[in-house]
Every structure is written in structure tokens, then in C-alpha cells.
Protein backbone atom coordinates (compact mmCIF):
# COMPACT_ATOMS: atom_id res chain seq x y z
CA UNK A 1 13.79 -13.06 16.92
CA UNK A 2 10.58 -10.97 18.90
CA UNK A 3 7.45 -9.46 17.51
CA UNK A 4 6.21 -6.31 15.96
CA UNK A 5 2.89 -4.53 15.23
CA UNK A 6 2.66 -2.69 12.25
CA UNK A 7 -0.43 -0.87 11.08
CA UNK A 8 -0.44 0.36 7.17
CA UNK A 9 -2.76 2.55 5.03
CA UNK A 10 -3.64 3.55 1.33
CA UNK A 11 -3.14 6.69 0.35
CA UNK A 12 -6.61 7.60 0.29
CA UNK A 13 -6.70 6.39 3.93
CA UNK A 14 -10.00 4.13 2.63
CA UNK A 15 -7.90 0.65 3.49
CA UNK A 16 -6.30 0.02 6.45
CA UNK A 17 -4.19 -3.06 7.61
CA UNK A 18 -2.89 -3.81 10.92
CA UNK A 19 -1.13 -6.97 11.92
CA UNK A 20 1.02 -8.31 14.64
CA UNK A 21 3.97 -10.33 12.88
CA UNK A 22 6.36 -12.88 15.36
CA UNK A 23 9.70 -13.56 14.94
CA UNK A 24 12.61 -12.00 12.30
CA UNK A 25 11.82 -8.97 11.71
CA UNK A 26 13.83 -8.90 8.43
CA UNK A 27 12.24 -6.91 5.85
CA UNK A 28 11.61 -10.12 3.41
CA UNK A 29 8.91 -11.66 5.65
CA UNK A 30 7.04 -8.34 5.72
CA UNK A 31 6.84 -7.06 2.30
CA UNK A 32 4.71 -10.46 0.88
CA UNK A 33 1.80 -9.38 3.23
CA UNK A 34 2.27 -6.03 2.27
CA UNK A 35 1.94 -6.96 -1.16
CA UNK A 36 -0.63 -9.14 -0.90
CA UNK A 37 -2.90 -7.07 0.46
CA UNK A 38 -2.17 -3.77 -1.86
CA UNK A 39 -1.06 -4.65 -4.70
CA UNK A 40 -3.24 -5.70 -8.24
CA UNK A 41 -3.34 -9.25 -8.68
CA UNK A 42 -0.84 -10.02 -11.71
CA UNK A 43 -3.14 -10.19 -15.15
CA UNK A 44 -3.69 -13.72 -15.82
CA UNK A 45 -4.22 -14.92 -12.34
CA UNK A 46 -7.69 -15.44 -10.42
């Protein structure tokens, strides 16, 4: 348990995300945040 602050950038540096994540540092908890921010919306979703 603990916390981590993470800063990420898109390849062209036009999009940035910084967040503080509290709890288990396991990647399975961080990937959904990154996917929601940077990945395209699946087709058929609004």
C-alpha cells in the first residue's frame, strides 16, 4: 500500500495526464486509467 504520482504524455506531447494513485501499485489498477485517457473509444460505443 502507498501512493504513486504518474505523469504521461502522448507521442506528440499535445495531450498530458498526471494523476495520483493511492493503494496497491499493481499495474492492473493503472492501465484502466491510461486506456480510458489515451485509447480510442471502441466502435459502437458512445
